[in-house]
Amino acid sequence: MQQQADEIIKILKSKGLRVTPQRFAVYANLLERRDHPTVEQILTDLNKDVPTSSQATVYAALQALREASLVREVLLEEGVSRYDANVAQHHHFRCTNCRTIEDIEWDTFGKIDLSHLRPGLKAEKLEVIVQGICDRCQ
């Protein structure tokens, strides 16, 4: 447990971030999850034992972590921001029934050729979002 805490502190400092209890708690929470939580879900998690965090505090911590490229914002449905500590290139699967989100390894689809985009379009980023029904809902 202490080794994991030391590693989180080291990562935050390596990105030039001050290690605040809020940033530490939000980043540690995201590192433990695979469900791409919303701010509200993170806040609920952090406050379940002792209510000490506010929504504004969680937003501020997430913004700092995002700017440091330690987390990414995932927009898979209109008006809902979710967060992911997996900043490596990957795709997502979203169940349209239970709304769970799951990472898909980057090389699952092989090479996607962007050279066929119409002239004038310059791709900067690529992410495949697969929507369907997960095995738990089938």
C-alpha atoms as a PDB file:
ATOM      1  CA  MET A   1       0.000   0.000   0.000  1.00  0.00           C
ATOM      2  CA  GLN A   2       2.766   2.462   0.933  1.00  0.00           C
ATOM      3  CA  GLN A   3       4.722   1.490  -2.170  1.00  0.00           C
ATOM      4  CA  GLN A   4       1.693   2.313  -4.348  1.00  0.00           C
ATOM      5  CA  ALA A   5       1.255   5.660  -2.563  1.00  0.00           C
ATOM      6  CA  ASP A   6       4.930   6.470  -3.086  1.00  0.00           C
ATOM      7  CA  GLU A   7       4.606   5.620  -6.782  1.00  0.00           C
ATOM      8  CA  ILE A   8       1.577   7.924  -7.171  1.00  0.00           C
ATOM      9  CA  ILE A   9       3.463  10.760  -5.448  1.00  0.00           C
ATOM     10  CA  LYS A  10       6.459  10.167  -7.721  1.00  0.00           C
ATOM     11  CA  ILE A  11       4.252  10.248 -10.855  1.00  0.00           C
ATOM     12  CA  LEU A  12       2.487  13.457  -9.806  1.00  0.00           C
ATOM     13  CA  LYS A  13       5.798  15.177  -9.023  1.00  0.00           C
ATOM     14  CA  SER A  14       7.350  13.980 -12.306  1.00  0.00           C
ATOM     15  CA  LYS A  15       4.577  15.842 -14.144  1.00  0.00           C
ATOM     16  CA  GLY A  16       5.272  19.027 -12.183  1.00  0.00           C
ATOM     17  CA  LEU A  17       2.138  18.774 -10.059  1.00  0.00           C
ATOM     18  CA  ARG A  18       1.940  19.699  -6.432  1.00  0.00           C
ATOM     19  CA  VAL A  19       0.840  16.649  -4.475  1.00  0.00           C
ATOM     20  CA  THR A  20      -2.366  17.695  -2.759  1.00  0.00           C
ATOM     21  CA  PRO A  21      -4.560  15.246  -0.856  1.00  0.00           C
ATOM     22  CA  GLN A  22      -7.322  15.837  -3.404  1.00  0.00           C
ATOM     23  CA  ARG A  23      -5.170  15.176  -6.471  1.00  0.00           C
ATOM     24  CA  PHE A  24      -3.685  12.130  -4.805  1.00  0.00           C
ATOM     25  CA  ALA A  25      -7.124  10.756  -3.885  1.00  0.00           C
ATOM     26  CA  VAL A  26      -8.660  11.369  -7.323  1.00  0.00           C
ATOM     27  CA  TYR A  27      -5.693   9.875  -9.196  1.00  0.00           C
ATOM     28  CA  ALA A  28      -5.468   6.866  -6.862  1.00  0.00           C
ATOM     29  CA  ASN A  29      -9.199   6.279  -7.309  1.00  0.00           C
ATOM     30  CA  LEU A  30      -8.933   6.375 -11.103  1.00  0.00           C
ATOM     31  CA  LEU A  31      -5.924   4.044 -11.139  1.00  0.00           C
ATOM     32  CA  GLU A  32      -7.963   1.419  -9.268  1.00  0.00           C
ATOM     33  CA  ARG A  33     -10.925   1.599 -11.661  1.00  0.00           C
ATOM     34  CA  ARG A  34     -11.690   0.289 -15.119  1.00  0.00           C
ATOM     35  CA  ASP A  35     -15.244   1.643 -15.370  1.00  0.00           C
ATOM     36  CA  HIS A  36     -14.547   5.178 -16.693  1.00  0.00           C
ATOM     37  CA  PRO A  37     -16.389   7.022 -13.899  1.00  0.00           C
ATOM     38  CA  THR A  38     -18.109  10.391 -13.985  1.00  0.00           C
ATOM     39  CA  VAL A  39     -17.175  13.174 -11.568  1.00  0.00           C
ATOM     40  CA  GLU A  40     -20.210  12.250  -9.488  1.00  0.00           C
ATOM     41  CA  GLN A  41     -19.093   8.604  -9.235  1.00  0.00           C
ATOM     42  CA  ILE A  42     -15.576   9.629  -8.177  1.00  0.00           C
ATOM     43  CA  LEU A  43     -17.017  12.044  -5.617  1.00  0.00           C
ATOM     44  CA  THR A  44     -19.282   9.340  -4.173  1.00  0.00           C
ATOM     45  CA  ASP A  45     -16.323   6.971  -3.893  1.00  0.00           C
ATOM     46  CA  LEU A  46     -14.101   9.544  -2.192  1.00  0.00           C
ATOM     47  CA  ASN A  47     -16.795  10.607   0.275  1.00  0.00           C
ATOM     48  CA  LYS A  48     -18.190   7.182   1.194  1.00  0.00           C
ATOM     49  CA  ASP A  49     -16.222   6.920   4.451  1.00  0.00           C
ATOM     50  CA  VAL A  50     -15.641  10.551   5.399  1.00  0.00           C
ATOM     51  CA  PRO A  51     -17.270  13.333   3.358  1.00  0.00           C
ATOM     52  CA  THR A  52     -14.365  15.685   2.677  1.00  0.00           C
ATOM     53  CA  SER A  53     -14.399  16.402  -1.060  1.00  0.00           C
ATOM     54  CA  SER A  54     -16.625  18.691  -3.071  1.00  0.00           C
ATOM     55  CA  GLN A  55     -17.587  18.443  -6.715  1.00  0.00           C
ATOM     56  CA  ALA A  56     -15.527  21.563  -7.479  1.00  0.00           C
ATOM     57  CA  THR A  57     -12.473  19.993  -5.834  1.00  0.00           C
ATOM     58  CA  VAL A  58     -12.821  16.813  -7.893  1.00  0.00           C
ATOM     59  CA  TYR A  59     -13.245  18.849 -11.099  1.00  0.00           C
ATOM     60  CA  ALA A  60     -10.139  20.908 -10.280  1.00  0.00           C
ATOM     61  CA  ALA A  61      -8.077  17.794  -9.544  1.00  0.00           C
ATOM     62  CA  LEU A  62      -9.251  16.134 -12.770  1.00  0.00           C
ATOM     63  CA  GLN A  63      -8.410  19.228 -14.805  1.00  0.00           C
ATOM     64  CA  ALA A  64      -4.874  19.335 -13.381  1.00  0.00           C
ATOM     65  CA  LEU A  65      -4.420  15.593 -13.994  1.00  0.00           C
ATOM     66  CA  ARG A  66      -5.768  15.917 -17.532  1.00  0.00           C
ATOM     67  CA  GLU A  67      -3.491  18.860 -18.342  1.00  0.00           C
ATOM     68  CA  ALA A  68      -0.549  16.776 -17.074  1.00  0.00           C
ATOM     69  CA  SER A  69      -1.648  13.912 -19.392  1.00  0.00           C
ATOM     70  CA  LEU A  70      -2.216  11.545 -16.466  1.00  0.00           C
ATOM     71  CA  VAL A  71      -5.909  11.037 -17.177  1.00  0.00           C
ATOM     72  CA  ARG A  72      -8.071  11.524 -20.198  1.00  0.00           C
ATOM     73  CA  GLU A  73     -11.617  12.635 -20.599  1.00  0.00           C
ATOM     74  CA  VAL A  74     -13.758  10.103 -22.423  1.00  0.00           C
ATOM     75  CA  LEU A  75     -16.862  11.357 -24.229  1.00  0.00           C
ATOM     76  CA  LEU A  76     -18.884   8.345 -25.315  1.00  0.00           C
ATOM     77  CA  GLU A  77     -22.365   9.745 -24.859  1.00  0.00           C
ATOM     78  CA  GLU A  78     -23.698  13.249 -25.259  1.00  0.00           C
ATOM     79  CA  GLY A  79     -23.329  15.450 -22.190  1.00  0.00           C
ATOM     80  CA  VAL A  80     -21.496  12.859 -20.058  1.00  0.00           C
ATOM     81  CA  SER A  81     -17.802  13.260 -19.271  1.00  0.00           C
ATOM     82  CA  ARG A  82     -16.051  10.166 -17.985  1.00  0.00           C
ATOM     83  CA  TYR A  83     -12.447   9.821 -16.921  1.00  0.00           C
ATOM     84  CA  ASP A  84      -9.793   7.206 -17.542  1.00  0.00           C
ATOM     85  CA  ALA A  85      -6.306   6.827 -16.050  1.00  0.00           C
ATOM     86  CA  ASN A  86      -5.336   4.564 -18.942  1.00  0.00           C
ATOM     87  CA  VAL A  87      -3.726   7.167 -21.202  1.00  0.00           C
ATOM     88  CA  ALA A  88      -2.175   4.604 -23.558  1.00  0.00           C
ATOM     89  CA  GLN A  89      -3.803   4.408 -26.978  1.00  0.00           C
ATOM     90  CA  HIS A  90      -6.894   2.216 -26.842  1.00  0.00           C
ATOM     91  CA  HIS A  91     -10.466   2.025 -28.050  1.00  0.00           C
ATOM     92  CA  HIS A  92     -13.734   1.603 -26.130  1.00  0.00           C
ATOM     93  CA  PHE A  93     -16.760  -0.670 -26.059  1.00  0.00           C
ATOM     94  CA  ARG A  94     -19.978   0.792 -24.622  1.00  0.00           C
ATOM     95  CA  CYS A  95     -22.924  -1.418 -23.734  1.00  0.00           C
ATOM     96  CA  THR A  96     -26.112   0.265 -24.898  1.00  0.00           C
ATOM     97  CA  ASN A  97     -28.114  -1.632 -22.279  1.00  0.00           C
ATOM     98  CA  CYS A  98     -26.215  -1.265 -18.980  1.00  0.00           C
ATOM     99  CA  ARG A  99     -23.964   1.594 -20.211  1.00  0.00           C
ATOM    100  CA  THR A 100     -20.754  -0.022 -18.954  1.00  0.00           C
ATOM    101  CA  ILE A 101     -17.586   0.952 -20.770  1.00  0.00           C
ATOM    102  CA  GLU A 102     -14.690  -1.363 -21.392  1.00  0.00           C
ATOM    103  CA  ASP A 103     -11.260  -0.759 -22.902  1.00  0.00           C
ATOM    104  CA  ILE A 104     -10.375  -2.464 -26.177  1.00  0.00           C
ATOM    105  CA  GLU A 105      -6.690  -3.017 -26.902  1.00  0.00           C
ATOM    106  CA  TRP A 106      -5.264  -0.680 -29.543  1.00  0.00           C
ATOM    107  CA  ASP A 107      -4.205  -3.406 -31.965  1.00  0.00           C
ATOM    108  CA  THR A 108      -7.553  -5.270 -31.880  1.00  0.00           C
ATOM    109  CA  PHE A 109      -8.612  -3.795 -35.221  1.00  0.00           C
ATOM    110  CA  GLY A 110      -5.234  -3.853 -36.908  1.00  0.00           C
ATOM    111  CA  LYS A 111      -3.988  -0.858 -38.836  1.00  0.00           C
ATOM    112  CA  ILE A 112      -6.654   1.650 -39.782  1.00  0.00           C
ATOM    113  CA  ASP A 113      -5.661   3.476 -42.963  1.00  0.00           C
ATOM    114  CA  LEU A 114      -6.447   7.185 -42.730  1.00  0.00           C
ATOM    115  CA  SER A 115      -4.857   8.006 -46.078  1.00  0.00           C
ATOM    116  CA  HIS A 116      -8.265   7.749 -47.760  1.00  0.00           C
ATOM    117  CA  LEU A 117      -9.703  10.761 -45.980  1.00  0.00           C
ATOM    118  CA  ARG A 118     -10.775  13.414 -48.435  1.00  0.00           C
ATOM    119  CA  PRO A 119      -8.144  16.036 -49.321  1.00  0.00           C
ATOM    120  CA  GLY A 120      -8.024  18.848 -46.790  1.00  0.00           C
ATOM    121  CA  LEU A 121      -8.687  16.644 -43.752  1.00  0.00           C
ATOM    122  CA  LYS A 122      -5.774  16.027 -41.413  1.00  0.00           C
ATOM    123  CA  ALA A 123      -6.291  13.337 -38.776  1.00  0.00           C
ATOM    124  CA  GLU A 124      -4.831  14.177 -35.378  1.00  0.00           C
ATOM    125  CA  LYS A 125      -6.315  11.418 -33.269  1.00  0.00           C
ATOM    126  CA  LEU A 126      -8.178   8.175 -33.770  1.00  0.00           C
ATOM    127  CA  GLU A 127     -10.386   6.207 -31.425  1.00  0.00           C
ATOM    128  CA  VAL A 128     -12.883   3.510 -32.313  1.00  0.00           C
ATOM    129  CA  ILE A 129     -16.045   3.372 -30.208  1.00  0.00           C
ATOM    130  CA  VAL A 130     -17.889   0.086 -30.480  1.00  0.00           C
ATOM    131  CA  GLN A 131     -21.461   0.098 -29.192  1.00  0.00           C
ATOM    132  CA  GLY A 132     -23.470  -3.018 -28.558  1.00  0.00           C
ATOM    133  CA  ILE A 133     -24.623  -5.419 -25.861  1.00  0.00           C
ATOM    134  CA  CYS A 134     -22.107  -6.806 -23.358  1.00  0.00           C
ATOM    135  CA  ASP A 135     -22.036 -10.457 -22.290  1.00  0.00           C
ATOM    136  CA  ARG A 136     -23.633  -9.624 -18.926  1.00  0.00           C
ATOM    137  CA  CYS A 137     -26.709  -8.172 -20.676  1.00  0.00           C
ATOM    138  CA  GLN A 138     -27.136 -10.796 -23.399  1.00  0.00           C
END
